[in-house]
Amino acid sequence: MKAHDKTTNPNKLGFLYFLDFLVVFLSISVSFWMNEWNSDRKDQRLHQMDVLALLVDLDLDGQSLRDYCEAAAKQVNDNHHLVDDVCMNYYNEAHP
């Protein structure tokens, strides 16, 4: 009889339904929280990989720019020598 009394008592039955609801609600809430946490963790990992790739690209671009500047400086230096040679030849021809 006691088992029958527990299930027919409206206060205890309401409390059991409330506990069931609370367990389901908390389980779903924790599930959503864990899903959001995992998504944020993946986004952070992708962000770190993007930043690292950007730094590598910037380093490569900097090296390319340094190489270009060195080549341009060499070309300017070669042009100065060429202009000096032309001027000297012109001067030597004009003033024998």
C-alpha atoms as a PDB file:
ATOM      1  CA  MET A   1       0.000   0.000   0.000  1.00  0.00           C
ATOM      2  CA  LYS A   2       2.789   2.409   0.710  1.00  0.00           C
ATOM      3  CA  ALA A   3       4.020   2.429  -2.923  1.00  0.00           C
ATOM      4  CA  HIS A   4       0.460   3.177  -4.028  1.00  0.00           C
ATOM      5  CA  ASP A   5       0.222   6.014  -1.527  1.00  0.00           C
ATOM      6  CA  LYS A   6       3.418   7.665  -2.830  1.00  0.00           C
ATOM      7  CA  THR A   7       2.230   7.792  -6.428  1.00  0.00           C
ATOM      8  CA  THR A   8      -1.245   9.045  -5.570  1.00  0.00           C
ATOM      9  CA  ASN A   9      -0.090  11.818  -3.257  1.00  0.00           C
ATOM     10  CA  PRO A  10      -0.479  14.994  -5.398  1.00  0.00           C
ATOM     11  CA  ASN A  11       2.270  16.895  -3.570  1.00  0.00           C
ATOM     12  CA  LYS A  12       4.851  14.154  -4.074  1.00  0.00           C
ATOM     13  CA  LEU A  13       3.724  13.539  -7.650  1.00  0.00           C
ATOM     14  CA  GLY A  14       4.044  17.248  -8.455  1.00  0.00           C
ATOM     15  CA  PHE A  15       7.475  17.320  -6.841  1.00  0.00           C
ATOM     16  CA  LEU A  16       8.607  14.308  -8.916  1.00  0.00           C
ATOM     17  CA  TYR A  17       7.386  15.974 -12.118  1.00  0.00           C
ATOM     18  CA  PHE A  18       9.224  19.129 -11.107  1.00  0.00           C
ATOM     19  CA  LEU A  19      12.422  17.132 -10.515  1.00  0.00           C
ATOM     20  CA  ASP A  20      12.050  15.444 -13.895  1.00  0.00           C
ATOM     21  CA  PHE A  21      11.532  18.829 -15.538  1.00  0.00           C
ATOM     22  CA  LEU A  22      14.525  20.282 -13.688  1.00  0.00           C
ATOM     23  CA  VAL A  23      16.796  17.401 -14.733  1.00  0.00           C
ATOM     24  CA  VAL A  24      15.743  17.703 -18.389  1.00  0.00           C
ATOM     25  CA  PHE A  25      16.073  21.502 -18.309  1.00  0.00           C
ATOM     26  CA  LEU A  26      19.534  21.378 -16.743  1.00  0.00           C
ATOM     27  CA  SER A  27      20.663  18.636 -19.131  1.00  0.00           C
ATOM     28  CA  ILE A  28      19.595  20.638 -22.166  1.00  0.00           C
ATOM     29  CA  SER A  29      21.141  23.832 -20.754  1.00  0.00           C
ATOM     30  CA  VAL A  30      24.459  22.099 -20.080  1.00  0.00           C
ATOM     31  CA  SER A  31      24.355  20.557 -23.548  1.00  0.00           C
ATOM     32  CA  PHE A  32      23.888  23.979 -25.169  1.00  0.00           C
ATOM     33  CA  TRP A  33      26.618  25.464 -22.981  1.00  0.00           C
ATOM     34  CA  MET A  34      29.063  22.690 -23.907  1.00  0.00           C
ATOM     35  CA  ASN A  35      28.216  23.076 -27.597  1.00  0.00           C
ATOM     36  CA  GLU A  36      28.822  26.832 -27.420  1.00  0.00           C
ATOM     37  CA  TRP A  37      32.068  26.317 -25.495  1.00  0.00           C
ATOM     38  CA  ASN A  38      33.290  23.803 -28.082  1.00  0.00           C
ATOM     39  CA  SER A  39      32.344  26.121 -30.943  1.00  0.00           C
ATOM     40  CA  ASP A  40      34.202  29.024 -29.303  1.00  0.00           C
ATOM     41  CA  ARG A  41      37.240  26.806 -28.765  1.00  0.00           C
ATOM     42  CA  LYS A  42      37.256  25.813 -32.455  1.00  0.00           C
ATOM     43  CA  ASP A  43      36.838  29.454 -33.515  1.00  0.00           C
ATOM     44  CA  GLN A  44      39.735  30.468 -31.294  1.00  0.00           C
ATOM     45  CA  ARG A  45      41.935  27.743 -32.777  1.00  0.00           C
ATOM     46  CA  LEU A  46      41.043  28.884 -36.323  1.00  0.00           C
ATOM     47  CA  HIS A  47      41.727  32.491 -35.338  1.00  0.00           C
ATOM     48  CA  GLN A  48      45.169  31.525 -34.021  1.00  0.00           C
ATOM     49  CA  MET A  49      45.925  29.652 -37.243  1.00  0.00           C
ATOM     50  CA  ASP A  50      44.806  32.676 -39.305  1.00  0.00           C
ATOM     51  CA  VAL A  51      47.003  35.024 -37.273  1.00  0.00           C
ATOM     52  CA  LEU A  52      49.979  32.685 -37.649  1.00  0.00           C
ATOM     53  CA  ALA A  53      49.408  32.435 -41.423  1.00  0.00           C
ATOM     54  CA  LEU A  54      49.166  36.227 -41.602  1.00  0.00           C
ATOM     55  CA  LEU A  55      52.477  36.611 -39.764  1.00  0.00           C
ATOM     56  CA  VAL A  56      54.147  34.130 -42.110  1.00  0.00           C
ATOM     57  CA  ASP A  57      52.750  36.013 -45.132  1.00  0.00           C
ATOM     58  CA  LEU A  58      53.945  39.328 -43.742  1.00  0.00           C
ATOM     59  CA  ASP A  59      57.414  37.888 -43.174  1.00  0.00           C
ATOM     60  CA  LEU A  60      57.540  36.563 -46.749  1.00  0.00           C
ATOM     61  CA  ASP A  61      56.260  39.884 -48.118  1.00  0.00           C
ATOM     62  CA  GLY A  62      58.893  41.730 -46.081  1.00  0.00           C
ATOM     63  CA  GLN A  63      61.632  39.511 -47.488  1.00  0.00           C
ATOM     64  CA  SER A  64      60.322  40.038 -51.037  1.00  0.00           C
ATOM     65  CA  LEU A  65      60.275  43.786 -50.461  1.00  0.00           C
ATOM     66  CA  ARG A  66      63.850  43.734 -49.120  1.00  0.00           C
ATOM     67  CA  ASP A  67      64.967  41.732 -52.171  1.00  0.00           C
ATOM     68  CA  TYR A  68      63.220  44.199 -54.494  1.00  0.00           C
ATOM     69  CA  CYS A  69      64.804  47.184 -52.726  1.00  0.00           C
ATOM     70  CA  GLU A  70      68.255  45.615 -52.975  1.00  0.00           C
ATOM     71  CA  ALA A  71      67.748  44.946 -56.694  1.00  0.00           C
ATOM     72  CA  ALA A  72      66.473  48.507 -57.248  1.00  0.00           C
ATOM     73  CA  ALA A  73      69.427  49.974 -55.338  1.00  0.00           C
ATOM     74  CA  LYS A  74      71.827  47.887 -57.449  1.00  0.00           C
ATOM     75  CA  GLN A  75      70.084  49.076 -60.619  1.00  0.00           C
ATOM     76  CA  VAL A  76      70.335  52.711 -59.485  1.00  0.00           C
ATOM     77  CA  ASN A  77      74.010  52.224 -58.672  1.00  0.00           C
ATOM     78  CA  ASP A  78      74.610  50.631 -62.090  1.00  0.00           C
ATOM     79  CA  ASN A  79      72.763  53.540 -63.742  1.00  0.00           C
ATOM     80  CA  HIS A  80      74.944  56.041 -61.881  1.00  0.00           C
ATOM     81  CA  HIS A  81      78.055  54.297 -63.213  1.00  0.00           C
ATOM     82  CA  LEU A  82      76.571  54.282 -66.720  1.00  0.00           C
ATOM     83  CA  VAL A  83      75.712  58.001 -66.519  1.00  0.00           C
ATOM     84  CA  ASP A  84      79.189  58.752 -65.163  1.00  0.00           C
ATOM     85  CA  ASP A  85      80.759  56.814 -68.046  1.00  0.00           C
ATOM     86  CA  VAL A  86      78.612  58.617 -70.622  1.00  0.00           C
ATOM     87  CA  CYS A  87      79.403  62.000 -69.080  1.00  0.00           C
ATOM     88  CA  MET A  88      83.114  61.235 -68.949  1.00  0.00           C
ATOM     89  CA  ASN A  89      83.124  60.082 -72.577  1.00  0.00           C
ATOM     90  CA  TYR A  90      81.208  63.193 -73.624  1.00  0.00           C
ATOM     91  CA  TYR A  91      83.527  65.425 -71.616  1.00  0.00           C
ATOM     92  CA  ASN A  92      86.630  63.691 -73.002  1.00  0.00           C
ATOM     93  CA  GLU A  93      85.328  64.008 -76.560  1.00  0.00           C
ATOM     94  CA  ALA A  94      84.343  67.646 -76.090  1.00  0.00           C
ATOM     95  CA  HIS A  95      87.624  68.572 -74.386  1.00  0.00           C
ATOM     96  CA  PRO A  96      90.452  66.676 -76.011  1.00  0.00           C
END
